[in-house]
Amino acid sequence: ELFNYNGKIFSFPCSYYNGSSFCQDCHSYISYSTDCGKTFSWPASIGNAINNIHVKGWLAVDDRIILSCSWIECTEESWACFDGANKKCIVAGKELLPKNYKGLYHQEYCGTLISDDGGENWRICGKIGSKGVGLVEPAIVQLSDGTIVMLIRNANDFRLYESRSYDLGETWSEAVPTDIPSAITKVSLAKDKNGVIYLLNNFTEDCSRNPLSLWISTDDMKTWSKKIDLVWSDGGEMLAYPDAFVDEERKMLCFGWDDRKNIYYSEYPIE
């Protein structure tokens, strides 16, 4: 993920072990550019953060940077995963049978990374999630009263979940299901200077991820006044993983997205 804060571009890349299951053997880094992306600093570990954290959204409120993120924690002593390899694993003198990663002995959580000094130092806040509920890839937006809303992909439910913070990301409410359909994929939130909120998502109660659509709210997400299909495929390709922002100067809603083969960039006039 890339974010521009006061002319400094922050990047949060992750590395993976080739061929491993999703998020297994992952390490997170931070890198930044001060020359409009021509060069970036050498990737470094994110201080005071879990080392397999995934940054998925951001806000800047006064001097505070708030990043929405998700991570995986071990939840039981049977933590070792060989992803099907046929060999013994001994932990504390006991043999553990090889297990695939998918949800075994691990739990996904969401929260925020917060910096109050321009990104020099970070701290992790919140731990949203419960056993058996896979919450991942959160997006955030701030409402007119200062409340921050987090919309979260759920690995087991064709609906988005929601959590709220009333103290600029320090603490978060328990995640609850919304009535917003989801194809179990990442969403993106953006907001313009007039307070209009834009939600890009695959609003389908299946895994098709087609079409990629836009919902618009003018009342702090109480209702969605417009629902527009932006991109669709007659061939059934997945159209997903949007990242959106509002270009106020040109009055355009801008976003990137992909079809599992190529990455695209689109613009629509917000008028």
C-alpha atoms as a PDB file:
ATOM      1  CA  GLU A   1       0.000   0.000   0.000  1.00  0.00           C
ATOM      2  CA  LEU A   2       1.111   3.563  -0.775  1.00  0.00           C
ATOM      3  CA  PHE A   3       0.127   6.770   1.046  1.00  0.00           C
ATOM      4  CA  ASN A   4       1.144  10.390   0.537  1.00  0.00           C
ATOM      5  CA  TYR A   5       1.398  12.381   3.757  1.00  0.00           C
ATOM      6  CA  ASN A   6       2.632  15.968   3.492  1.00  0.00           C
ATOM      7  CA  GLY A   7       4.679  15.161   0.399  1.00  0.00           C
ATOM      8  CA  LYS A   8       6.249  12.018   1.891  1.00  0.00           C
ATOM      9  CA  ILE A   9       5.178   8.775   0.232  1.00  0.00           C
ATOM     10  CA  PHE A  10       4.948   5.811   2.601  1.00  0.00           C
ATOM     11  CA  SER A  11       5.081   2.253   1.306  1.00  0.00           C
ATOM     12  CA  PHE A  12       4.257  -0.910   3.279  1.00  0.00           C
ATOM     13  CA  PRO A  13       5.532  -3.940   1.344  1.00  0.00           C
ATOM     14  CA  CYS A  14       5.400  -7.534   2.601  1.00  0.00           C
ATOM     15  CA  SER A  15       7.576 -10.545   1.796  1.00  0.00           C
ATOM     16  CA  TYR A  16       6.386 -14.154   1.601  1.00  0.00           C
ATOM     17  CA  TYR A  17       7.916 -17.584   1.399  1.00  0.00           C
ATOM     18  CA  ASN A  18       7.353 -18.765  -2.182  1.00  0.00           C
ATOM     19  CA  GLY A  19       4.649 -21.420  -2.380  1.00  0.00           C
ATOM     20  CA  SER A  20       3.405 -20.942   1.170  1.00  0.00           C
ATOM     21  CA  SER A  21      -0.202 -20.552   2.189  1.00  0.00           C
ATOM     22  CA  PHE A  22      -1.721 -17.077   2.455  1.00  0.00           C
ATOM     23  CA  CYS A  23       0.201 -14.888   4.934  1.00  0.00           C
ATOM     24  CA  GLN A  24       2.444 -17.738   6.083  1.00  0.00           C
ATOM     25  CA  ASP A  25       6.079 -16.770   6.644  1.00  0.00           C
ATOM     26  CA  CYS A  26       5.223 -13.135   5.948  1.00  0.00           C
ATOM     27  CA  HIS A  27       7.269 -10.158   7.082  1.00  0.00           C
ATOM     28  CA  SER A  28       6.169  -6.531   6.914  1.00  0.00           C
ATOM     29  CA  TYR A  29       8.303  -3.505   6.105  1.00  0.00           C
ATOM     30  CA  ILE A  30       8.075   0.269   5.805  1.00  0.00           C
ATOM     31  CA  SER A  31       9.771   2.334   3.120  1.00  0.00           C
ATOM     32  CA  TYR A  32       9.346   5.965   2.114  1.00  0.00           C
ATOM     33  CA  SER A  33      10.132   8.419  -0.659  1.00  0.00           C
ATOM     34  CA  THR A  34      10.756  12.165  -0.440  1.00  0.00           C
ATOM     35  CA  ASP A  35      11.274  12.727  -4.186  1.00  0.00           C
ATOM     36  CA  CYS A  36       7.813  11.909  -5.570  1.00  0.00           C
ATOM     37  CA  GLY A  37       8.498   8.177  -5.784  1.00  0.00           C
ATOM     38  CA  LYS A  38      11.707   8.324  -7.834  1.00  0.00           C
ATOM     39  CA  THR A  39      13.643   6.616  -5.028  1.00  0.00           C
ATOM     40  CA  PHE A  40      12.625   4.847  -1.809  1.00  0.00           C
ATOM     41  CA  SER A  41      14.453   4.167   1.420  1.00  0.00           C
ATOM     42  CA  TRP A  42      15.685   0.662   2.117  1.00  0.00           C
ATOM     43  CA  PRO A  43      12.775  -1.374   3.606  1.00  0.00           C
ATOM     44  CA  ALA A  44      12.931  -1.588   7.398  1.00  0.00           C
ATOM     45  CA  SER A  45      10.826  -3.415   9.966  1.00  0.00           C
ATOM     46  CA  ILE A  46       7.930  -1.407  11.402  1.00  0.00           C
ATOM     47  CA  GLY A  47       8.858  -0.527  14.964  1.00  0.00           C
ATOM     48  CA  ASN A  48       6.449  -1.553  17.744  1.00  0.00           C
ATOM     49  CA  ALA A  49       4.291  -3.519  15.275  1.00  0.00           C
ATOM     50  CA  ILE A  50       3.551  -7.169  14.632  1.00  0.00           C
ATOM     51  CA  ASN A  51       5.864  -8.307  11.858  1.00  0.00           C
ATOM     52  CA  ASN A  52       3.141  -9.853   9.646  1.00  0.00           C
ATOM     53  CA  ILE A  53       0.886  -6.819   9.534  1.00  0.00           C
ATOM     54  CA  HIS A  54      -1.040  -5.849   6.397  1.00  0.00           C
ATOM     55  CA  VAL A  55      -1.803  -2.140   5.927  1.00  0.00           C
ATOM     56  CA  LYS A  56      -4.981  -1.553   3.900  1.00  0.00           C
ATOM     57  CA  GLY A  57      -6.219   1.998   4.493  1.00  0.00           C
ATOM     58  CA  TRP A  58      -5.243   5.345   5.987  1.00  0.00           C
ATOM     59  CA  LEU A  59      -6.410   8.642   7.427  1.00  0.00           C
ATOM     60  CA  ALA A  60      -4.602  11.831   8.385  1.00  0.00           C
ATOM     61  CA  VAL A  61      -6.298  13.728  11.225  1.00  0.00           C
ATOM     62  CA  ASP A  62      -4.402  16.869  12.234  1.00  0.00           C
ATOM     63  CA  ASP A  63      -0.898  15.586  13.095  1.00  0.00           C
ATOM     64  CA  ARG A  64      -1.948  11.956  13.455  1.00  0.00           C
ATOM     65  CA  ILE A  65      -1.579   9.234  10.803  1.00  0.00           C
ATOM     66  CA  ILE A  66      -4.023   6.344  11.268  1.00  0.00           C
ATOM     67  CA  LEU A  67      -3.521   3.162   9.245  1.00  0.00           C
ATOM     68  CA  SER A  68      -6.103   0.365   9.171  1.00  0.00           C
ATOM     69  CA  CYS A  69      -4.458  -3.040   9.192  1.00  0.00           C
ATOM     70  CA  SER A  70      -4.885  -6.744   9.886  1.00  0.00           C
ATOM     71  CA  TRP A  71      -2.561  -9.436  11.198  1.00  0.00           C
ATOM     72  CA  ILE A  72      -2.403 -13.061  12.288  1.00  0.00           C
ATOM     73  CA  GLU A  73      -1.617 -14.334  15.770  1.00  0.00           C
ATOM     74  CA  CYS A  74      -0.946 -17.827  17.071  1.00  0.00           C
ATOM     75  CA  THR A  75      -3.784 -18.877  19.361  1.00  0.00           C
ATOM     76  CA  GLU A  76      -2.745 -22.349  20.539  1.00  0.00           C
ATOM     77  CA  GLU A  77       0.466 -24.189  21.302  1.00  0.00           C
ATOM     78  CA  SER A  78       0.056 -26.236  18.104  1.00  0.00           C
ATOM     79  CA  TRP A  79       1.428 -23.401  16.055  1.00  0.00           C
ATOM     80  CA  ALA A  80       3.716 -25.216  13.598  1.00  0.00           C
ATOM     81  CA  CYS A  81       2.492 -25.527   9.995  1.00  0.00           C
ATOM     82  CA  PHE A  82       4.364 -27.485   7.358  1.00  0.00           C
ATOM     83  CA  ASP A  83       1.781 -26.909   4.614  1.00  0.00           C
ATOM     84  CA  GLY A  84       1.570 -30.617   3.865  1.00  0.00           C
ATOM     85  CA  ALA A  85       5.255 -31.512   4.253  1.00  0.00           C
ATOM     86  CA  ASN A  86       5.739 -35.101   5.431  1.00  0.00           C
ATOM     87  CA  LYS A  87       8.022 -34.758   8.429  1.00  0.00           C
ATOM     88  CA  LYS A  88       7.798 -34.621  12.189  1.00  0.00           C
ATOM     89  CA  CYS A  89       7.490 -31.471  14.219  1.00  0.00           C
ATOM     90  CA  ILE A  90       8.393 -31.657  17.912  1.00  0.00           C
ATOM     91  CA  VAL A  91       7.267 -28.875  20.225  1.00  0.00           C
ATOM     92  CA  ALA A  92       7.871 -29.127  23.969  1.00  0.00           C
ATOM     93  CA  GLY A  93       8.594 -32.832  23.593  1.00  0.00           C
ATOM     94  CA  LYS A  94       5.320 -33.593  21.790  1.00  0.00           C
ATOM     95  CA  GLU A  95       4.879 -34.521  18.149  1.00  0.00           C
ATOM     96  CA  LEU A  96       2.574 -32.290  16.136  1.00  0.00           C
ATOM     97  CA  LEU A  97       1.107 -33.656  12.956  1.00  0.00           C
ATOM     98  CA  PRO A  98       1.616 -31.561   9.801  1.00  0.00           C
ATOM     99  CA  LYS A  99      -1.255 -29.167   9.213  1.00  0.00           C
ATOM    100  CA  ASN A 100      -2.170 -26.797   6.447  1.00  0.00           C
ATOM    101  CA  TYR A 101      -2.262 -23.135   7.444  1.00  0.00           C
ATOM    102  CA  LYS A 102      -5.864 -22.266   6.618  1.00  0.00           C
ATOM    103  CA  GLY A 103      -7.185 -21.141   9.969  1.00  0.00           C
ATOM    104  CA  LEU A 104      -5.535 -23.839  12.084  1.00  0.00           C
ATOM    105  CA  TYR A 105      -4.152 -22.533  15.388  1.00  0.00           C
ATOM    106  CA  HIS A 106      -4.225 -18.973  14.065  1.00  0.00           C
ATOM    107  CA  GLN A 107      -6.591 -16.027  14.390  1.00  0.00           C
ATOM    108  CA  GLU A 108      -6.945 -12.961  12.199  1.00  0.00           C
ATOM    109  CA  TYR A 109      -7.391  -9.570  13.883  1.00  0.00           C
ATOM    110  CA  CYS A 110      -7.860  -5.974  12.742  1.00  0.00           C
ATOM    111  CA  GLY A 111      -6.720  -2.719  14.279  1.00  0.00           C
ATOM    112  CA  THR A 112      -4.772   0.444  13.587  1.00  0.00           C
ATOM    113  CA  LEU A 113      -1.182   1.600  13.343  1.00  0.00           C
ATOM    114  CA  ILE A 114      -0.901   5.145  14.682  1.00  0.00           C
ATOM    115  CA  SER A 115       1.871   7.731  14.403  1.00  0.00           C
ATOM    116  CA  ASP A 116       1.818  11.170  16.024  1.00  0.00           C
ATOM    117  CA  ASP A 117       5.207  12.289  14.713  1.00  0.00           C
ATOM    118  CA  GLY A 118       4.887  12.159  10.934  1.00  0.00           C
ATOM    119  CA  GLY A 119       5.574   8.449  10.607  1.00  0.00           C
ATOM    120  CA  GLU A 120       8.825   8.271  12.554  1.00  0.00           C
ATOM    121  CA  ASN A 121       7.341   6.022  15.258  1.00  0.00           C
ATOM    122  CA  TRP A 122       4.312   3.711  15.250  1.00  0.00           C
ATOM    123  CA  ARG A 123       2.161   1.917  17.789  1.00  0.00           C
ATOM    124  CA  ILE A 124      -0.510  -0.681  17.259  1.00  0.00           C
ATOM    125  CA  CYS A 125      -4.003  -0.106  18.693  1.00  0.00           C
ATOM    126  CA  GLY A 126      -7.135  -2.220  18.842  1.00  0.00           C
ATOM    127  CA  LYS A 127      -7.520  -5.957  18.468  1.00  0.00           C
ATOM    128  CA  ILE A 128     -10.791  -6.539  16.649  1.00  0.00           C
ATOM    129  CA  GLY A 129     -11.812 -10.157  16.192  1.00  0.00           C
ATOM    130  CA  SER A 130     -12.955 -13.327  17.897  1.00  0.00           C
ATOM    131  CA  LYS A 131     -12.305 -17.033  17.551  1.00  0.00           C
ATOM    132  CA  GLY A 132     -13.730 -18.453  14.348  1.00  0.00           C
ATOM    133  CA  VAL A 133     -14.371 -15.050  12.763  1.00  0.00           C
ATOM    134  CA  GLY A 134     -11.805 -14.198  10.102  1.00  0.00           C
ATOM    135  CA  LEU A 135     -11.598 -10.396   9.929  1.00  0.00           C
ATOM    136  CA  VAL A 136      -9.075  -9.017   7.452  1.00  0.00           C
ATOM    137  CA  GLU A 137      -8.321  -6.142   5.041  1.00  0.00           C
ATOM    138  CA  PRO A 138     -10.105  -3.231   6.779  1.00  0.00           C
ATOM    139  CA  ALA A 139     -10.897   0.146   5.198  1.00  0.00           C
ATOM    140  CA  ILE A 140     -11.523   3.320   7.226  1.00  0.00           C
ATOM    141  CA  VAL A 141     -13.238   6.678   6.848  1.00  0.00           C
ATOM    142  CA  GLN A 142     -13.970   9.532   9.255  1.00  0.00           C
ATOM    143  CA  LEU A 143     -17.535  10.791   9.687  1.00  0.00           C
ATOM    144  CA  SER A 144     -18.535  14.425  10.187  1.00  0.00           C
ATOM    145  CA  ASP A 145     -18.690  14.037  14.001  1.00  0.00           C
ATOM    146  CA  GLY A 146     -15.147  12.653  14.197  1.00  0.00           C
ATOM    147  CA  THR A 147     -16.148   8.989  14.499  1.00  0.00           C
ATOM    148  CA  ILE A 148     -13.921   6.646  12.483  1.00  0.00           C
ATOM    149  CA  VAL A 149     -15.717   3.741  10.806  1.00  0.00           C
ATOM    150  CA  MET A 150     -13.895   0.577   9.787  1.00  0.00           C
ATOM    151  CA  LEU A 151     -15.482  -1.723   7.183  1.00  0.00           C
ATOM    152  CA  ILE A 152     -13.940  -5.194   7.270  1.00  0.00           C
ATOM    153  CA  ARG A 153     -13.852  -8.195   4.987  1.00  0.00           C
ATOM    154  CA  ASN A 154     -15.101 -11.348   6.715  1.00  0.00           C
ATOM    155  CA  ALA A 155     -13.688 -14.665   5.545  1.00  0.00           C
ATOM    156  CA  ASN A 156     -16.857 -16.595   6.416  1.00  0.00           C
ATOM    157  CA  ASP A 157     -19.737 -14.259   5.578  1.00  0.00           C
ATOM    158  CA  PHE A 158     -20.978 -12.538   2.427  1.00  0.00           C
ATOM    159  CA  ARG A 159     -21.419  -9.291   4.380  1.00  0.00           C
ATOM    160  CA  LEU A 160     -19.057  -6.570   5.486  1.00  0.00           C
ATOM    161  CA  TYR A 161     -18.450  -6.144   9.218  1.00  0.00           C
ATOM    162  CA  GLU A 162     -18.153  -2.803  10.974  1.00  0.00           C
ATOM    163  CA  SER A 163     -16.246  -1.425  13.941  1.00  0.00           C
ATOM    164  CA  ARG A 164     -16.145   2.154  15.227  1.00  0.00           C
ATOM    165  CA  SER A 165     -13.647   4.316  17.104  1.00  0.00           C
ATOM    166  CA  TYR A 166     -14.556   7.482  19.001  1.00  0.00           C
ATOM    167  CA  ASP A 167     -11.006   8.390  20.061  1.00  0.00           C
ATOM    168  CA  LEU A 168      -9.130   8.707  16.741  1.00  0.00           C
ATOM    169  CA  GLY A 169      -8.259   5.027  16.411  1.00  0.00           C
ATOM    170  CA  GLU A 170      -7.071   4.281  19.945  1.00  0.00           C
ATOM    171  CA  THR A 171      -9.903   1.880  20.835  1.00  0.00           C
ATOM    172  CA  TRP A 172     -12.509   0.078  18.730  1.00  0.00           C
ATOM    173  CA  SER A 173     -15.943  -1.410  19.241  1.00  0.00           C
ATOM    174  CA  GLU A 174     -16.648  -5.087  18.691  1.00  0.00           C
ATOM    175  CA  ALA A 175     -17.096  -5.845  14.992  1.00  0.00           C
ATOM    176  CA  VAL A 176     -20.709  -6.489  13.977  1.00  0.00           C
ATOM    177  CA  PRO A 177     -22.192  -7.537  10.628  1.00  0.00           C
ATOM    178  CA  THR A 178     -23.688  -4.863   8.395  1.00  0.00           C
ATOM    179  CA  ASP A 179     -26.337  -5.228   5.696  1.00  0.00           C
ATOM    180  CA  ILE A 180     -23.745  -4.413   2.980  1.00  0.00           C
ATOM    181  CA  PRO A 181     -23.219  -7.417   0.665  1.00  0.00           C
ATOM    182  CA  SER A 182     -19.672  -8.535   0.016  1.00  0.00           C
ATOM    183  CA  ALA A 183     -18.010 -11.063  -2.292  1.00  0.00           C
ATOM    184  CA  ILE A 184     -15.517 -11.754   0.531  1.00  0.00           C
ATOM    185  CA  THR A 185     -12.917  -9.382  -0.838  1.00  0.00           C
ATOM    186  CA  LYS A 186     -11.203  -6.069  -0.127  1.00  0.00           C
ATOM    187  CA  VAL A 187     -13.167  -2.804  -0.277  1.00  0.00           C
ATOM    188  CA  SER A 188     -12.054   0.817  -0.521  1.00  0.00           C
ATOM    189  CA  LEU A 189     -13.453   3.965   1.121  1.00  0.00           C
ATOM    190  CA  ALA A 190     -12.897   7.563   0.052  1.00  0.00           C
ATOM    191  CA  LYS A 191     -14.360  10.897   1.099  1.00  0.00           C
ATOM    192  CA  ASP A 192     -14.453  14.303  -0.584  1.00  0.00           C
ATOM    193  CA  LYS A 193     -14.248  17.761   1.006  1.00  0.00           C
ATOM    194  CA  ASN A 194     -18.062  18.036   1.041  1.00  0.00           C
ATOM    195  CA  GLY A 195     -18.389  14.944   3.231  1.00  0.00           C
ATOM    196  CA  VAL A 196     -19.605  12.605   0.474  1.00  0.00           C
ATOM    197  CA  ILE A 197     -18.407   9.031   1.131  1.00  0.00           C
ATOM    198  CA  TYR A 198     -17.585   6.618  -1.689  1.00  0.00           C
ATOM    199  CA  LEU A 199     -17.525   2.839  -1.138  1.00  0.00           C
ATOM    200  CA  LEU A 200     -16.053   0.638  -3.876  1.00  0.00           C
ATOM    201  CA  ASN A 201     -16.896  -3.021  -3.482  1.00  0.00           C
ATOM    202  CA  ASN A 202     -18.172  -6.183  -5.145  1.00  0.00           C
ATOM    203  CA  PHE A 203     -21.724  -6.059  -3.775  1.00  0.00           C
ATOM    204  CA  THR A 204     -22.565  -9.711  -4.479  1.00  0.00           C
ATOM    205  CA  GLU A 205     -23.401 -12.496  -2.064  1.00  0.00           C
ATOM    206  CA  ASP A 206     -21.118 -14.954  -3.846  1.00  0.00           C
ATOM    207  CA  CYS A 207     -17.420 -15.126  -4.716  1.00  0.00           C
ATOM    208  CA  SER A 208     -17.766 -13.837  -8.294  1.00  0.00           C
ATOM    209  CA  ARG A 209     -16.216 -10.384  -7.604  1.00  0.00           C
ATOM    210  CA  ASN A 210     -18.054  -9.038 -10.640  1.00  0.00           C
ATOM    211  CA  PRO A 211     -19.119  -6.287 -11.185  1.00  0.00           C
ATOM    212  CA  LEU A 212     -17.032  -3.713  -9.332  1.00  0.00           C
ATOM    213  CA  SER A 213     -19.525  -1.157  -8.049  1.00  0.00           C
ATOM    214  CA  LEU A 214     -19.765   2.153  -6.237  1.00  0.00           C
ATOM    215  CA  TRP A 215     -22.130   3.167  -3.431  1.00  0.00           C
ATOM    216  CA  ILE A 216     -22.388   6.836  -2.455  1.00  0.00           C
ATOM    217  CA  SER A 217     -23.531   8.256   0.888  1.00  0.00           C
ATOM    218  CA  THR A 218     -24.249  11.906   1.722  1.00  0.00           C
ATOM    219  CA  ASP A 219     -25.378  11.275   5.319  1.00  0.00           C
ATOM    220  CA  ASP A 220     -22.400   9.646   7.074  1.00  0.00           C
ATOM    221  CA  MET A 221     -23.219   6.132   5.787  1.00  0.00           C
ATOM    222  CA  LYS A 222     -26.701   6.055   7.298  1.00  0.00           C
ATOM    223  CA  THR A 223     -28.026   5.470   3.775  1.00  0.00           C
ATOM    224  CA  TRP A 224     -26.546   4.965   0.323  1.00  0.00           C
ATOM    225  CA  SER A 225     -28.265   7.307  -2.121  1.00  0.00           C
ATOM    226  CA  LYS A 226     -26.594   6.058  -5.306  1.00  0.00           C
ATOM    227  CA  LYS A 227     -25.521   2.575  -6.378  1.00  0.00           C
ATOM    228  CA  ILE A 228     -23.586   2.386  -9.639  1.00  0.00           C
ATOM    229  CA  ASP A 229     -21.896  -0.510 -11.463  1.00  0.00           C
ATOM    230  CA  LEU A 230     -18.572   0.930 -12.653  1.00  0.00           C
ATOM    231  CA  VAL A 231     -16.793  -2.035 -14.219  1.00  0.00           C
ATOM    232  CA  TRP A 232     -18.156  -5.425 -15.227  1.00  0.00           C
ATOM    233  CA  SER A 233     -17.056  -8.426 -17.274  1.00  0.00           C
ATOM    234  CA  ASP A 234     -19.196 -10.469 -19.624  1.00  0.00           C
ATOM    235  CA  GLY A 235     -16.570 -13.214 -19.439  1.00  0.00           C
ATOM    236  CA  GLY A 236     -16.852 -13.642 -15.684  1.00  0.00           C
ATOM    237  CA  GLU A 237     -13.395 -12.364 -14.764  1.00  0.00           C
ATOM    238  CA  MET A 238     -12.869 -11.187 -11.202  1.00  0.00           C
ATOM    239  CA  LEU A 239     -12.768  -7.379 -10.983  1.00  0.00           C
ATOM    240  CA  ALA A 240     -11.628  -6.521  -7.518  1.00  0.00           C
ATOM    241  CA  TYR A 241      -9.180  -5.022  -5.032  1.00  0.00           C
ATOM    242  CA  PRO A 242      -9.949  -1.339  -5.605  1.00  0.00           C
ATOM    243  CA  ASP A 243      -7.875   1.471  -4.102  1.00  0.00           C
ATOM    244  CA  ALA A 244      -9.628   4.828  -4.365  1.00  0.00           C
ATOM    245  CA  PHE A 245      -8.969   8.499  -3.699  1.00  0.00           C
ATOM    246  CA  VAL A 246     -10.653  11.779  -4.609  1.00  0.00           C
ATOM    247  CA  ASP A 247      -8.764  14.292  -6.750  1.00  0.00           C
ATOM    248  CA  GLU A 248     -10.362  17.484  -5.422  1.00  0.00           C
ATOM    249  CA  GLU A 249      -8.619  19.793  -7.897  1.00  0.00           C
ATOM    250  CA  ARG A 250      -9.927  17.885 -10.920  1.00  0.00           C
ATOM    251  CA  LYS A 251     -13.124  16.718  -9.147  1.00  0.00           C
ATOM    252  CA  MET A 252     -12.493  13.083 -10.049  1.00  0.00           C
ATOM    253  CA  LEU A 253     -12.946   9.805  -8.218  1.00  0.00           C
ATOM    254  CA  CYS A 254      -9.776   7.871  -9.046  1.00  0.00           C
ATOM    255  CA  PHE A 255      -9.107   4.215  -8.359  1.00  0.00           C
ATOM    256  CA  GLY A 256      -6.960   1.253  -9.302  1.00  0.00           C
ATOM    257  CA  TRP A 257      -8.288  -2.323  -9.574  1.00  0.00           C
ATOM    258  CA  ASP A 258      -7.302  -5.665 -11.086  1.00  0.00           C
ATOM    259  CA  ASP A 259      -8.709  -8.715 -12.869  1.00  0.00           C
ATOM    260  CA  ARG A 260      -6.120 -11.211 -11.539  1.00  0.00           C
ATOM    261  CA  LYS A 261      -4.030 -10.642 -14.678  1.00  0.00           C
ATOM    262  CA  ASN A 262      -3.667  -6.906 -15.153  1.00  0.00           C
ATOM    263  CA  ILE A 263      -3.878  -3.747 -13.047  1.00  0.00           C
ATOM    264  CA  TYR A 264      -6.079  -0.925 -14.311  1.00  0.00           C
ATOM    265  CA  TYR A 265      -6.644   2.720 -13.458  1.00  0.00           C
ATOM    266  CA  SER A 266     -10.014   4.440 -13.815  1.00  0.00           C
ATOM    267  CA  GLU A 267     -11.441   7.920 -13.247  1.00  0.00           C
ATOM    268  CA  TYR A 268     -15.012   9.146 -12.911  1.00  0.00           C
ATOM    269  CA  PRO A 269     -16.216  12.757 -12.433  1.00  0.00           C
ATOM    270  CA  ILE A 270     -17.695  13.125  -8.937  1.00  0.00           C
ATOM    271  CA  GLU A 271     -20.244  15.644 -10.187  1.00  0.00           C
END
